[in-house]
Amino acid sequence: RRLKFSPVLDVRGERVSDALDIVMHYIDDAIMLDVGSVRIIHGKGTGALREELQKYLKTIPGIASVKDEHIQFGGSGVTIVEFE
């Protein structure tokens, strides 16, 4: 699994429910593999996907922080997840 795991996940263009399902499995793998942090690319669009993903991520035990990427690396179109 570690060989297939990427520290970046791209869910641009996905519906919110589908993206949440993808992210849920991805975060489970990241926690199991003891990854320090990951980037989730969701794009800017209307902001609905970003909002729902970040709301969900903040409820997961083992996640230390959820924040937008620095503006020069994608800003609000990318979420950085750091694990405890």
Protein backbone atom coordinates (compact mmCIF):
# COMPACT_ATOMS: atom_id res chain seq x y z
CA ARG A 1 0.00 0.00 0.00
CA ARG A 2 2.79 2.41 0.85
CA LEU A 3 4.16 2.11 -2.69
CA LYS A 4 0.82 3.16 -4.22
CA PHE A 5 0.12 5.97 -1.73
CA SER A 6 0.58 9.54 -2.95
CA PRO A 7 0.81 12.56 -0.59
CA VAL A 8 -1.43 14.46 -3.03
CA LEU A 9 -5.06 13.66 -3.82
CA ASP A 10 -6.97 15.41 -6.62
CA VAL A 11 -10.78 15.43 -6.32
CA ARG A 12 -11.48 18.32 -8.70
CA GLY A 13 -14.71 17.81 -10.60
CA GLU A 14 -16.16 15.29 -8.15
CA ARG A 15 -19.56 15.71 -6.55
CA VAL A 16 -19.40 16.49 -2.83
CA SER A 17 -20.72 13.06 -1.78
CA ASP A 18 -18.29 11.23 -4.08
CA ALA A 19 -15.36 13.42 -3.00
CA LEU A 20 -16.15 12.81 0.69
CA ASP A 21 -16.13 9.05 0.09
CA ILE A 22 -12.78 9.24 -1.75
CA VAL A 23 -11.25 11.47 0.94
CA MET A 24 -12.54 9.24 3.74
CA HIS A 25 -10.68 6.21 2.32
CA TYR A 26 -7.61 8.30 1.50
CA ILE A 27 -7.36 9.70 5.06
CA ASP A 28 -7.80 6.19 6.52
CA ASP A 29 -4.85 5.02 4.41
CA ALA A 30 -2.77 8.07 5.37
CA ILE A 31 -3.36 7.46 9.08
CA MET A 32 -2.63 3.74 8.72
CA LEU A 33 0.62 4.49 6.87
CA ASP A 34 1.59 7.13 9.48
CA VAL A 35 1.98 9.93 6.92
CA GLY A 36 2.91 13.36 8.33
CA SER A 37 0.75 15.48 6.01
CA VAL A 38 -1.18 15.35 2.73
CA ARG A 39 -2.49 17.83 0.16
CA ILE A 40 -6.03 17.54 -1.19
CA ILE A 41 -6.64 19.44 -4.42
CA HIS A 42 -10.31 20.34 -4.79
CA GLY A 43 -10.17 23.52 -6.84
CA LYS A 44 -11.79 26.83 -6.03
CA GLY A 45 -15.11 26.80 -7.90
CA THR A 46 -18.01 27.85 -5.68
CA GLY A 47 -16.15 26.76 -2.54
CA ALA A 48 -18.76 24.14 -1.61
CA LEU A 49 -16.40 21.18 -2.01
CA ARG A 50 -13.66 22.88 0.04
CA GLU A 51 -16.11 23.79 2.79
CA GLU A 52 -17.60 20.29 3.10
CA LEU A 53 -14.22 18.54 2.94
CA GLN A 54 -12.70 20.78 5.60
CA LYS A 55 -15.77 20.42 7.83
CA TYR A 56 -15.50 16.62 7.55
CA LEU A 57 -11.72 16.54 8.07
CA LYS A 58 -11.98 18.55 11.30
CA THR A 59 -14.13 15.77 12.82
CA ILE A 60 -11.52 13.01 12.35
CA PRO A 61 -9.41 12.01 15.36
CA GLY A 62 -5.70 11.95 14.57
CA ILE A 63 -5.76 15.09 12.43
CA ALA A 64 -3.81 17.96 13.99
CA SER A 65 -4.75 20.70 11.50
CA VAL A 66 -6.72 21.44 8.35
CA LYS A 67 -5.83 24.60 6.45
CA ASP A 68 -5.67 26.20 3.02
CA GLU A 69 -2.41 25.96 1.12
CA HIS A 70 -0.20 29.05 0.80
CA ILE A 71 -1.53 31.34 -1.94
CA GLN A 72 1.42 30.72 -4.29
CA PHE A 73 0.81 26.94 -4.15
CA GLY A 74 -2.95 26.93 -4.75
CA GLY A 75 -4.49 28.93 -1.91
CA SER A 76 -8.10 28.00 -1.19
CA GLY A 77 -8.07 25.44 -4.01
CA VAL A 78 -5.86 23.10 -1.98
CA THR A 79 -6.30 21.85 1.61
CA ILE A 80 -3.32 20.80 3.71
CA VAL A 81 -4.03 18.09 6.30
CA GLU A 82 -1.45 17.54 9.05
CA PHE A 83 -1.61 14.48 11.25
CA GLU A 84 -0.75 14.15 14.94
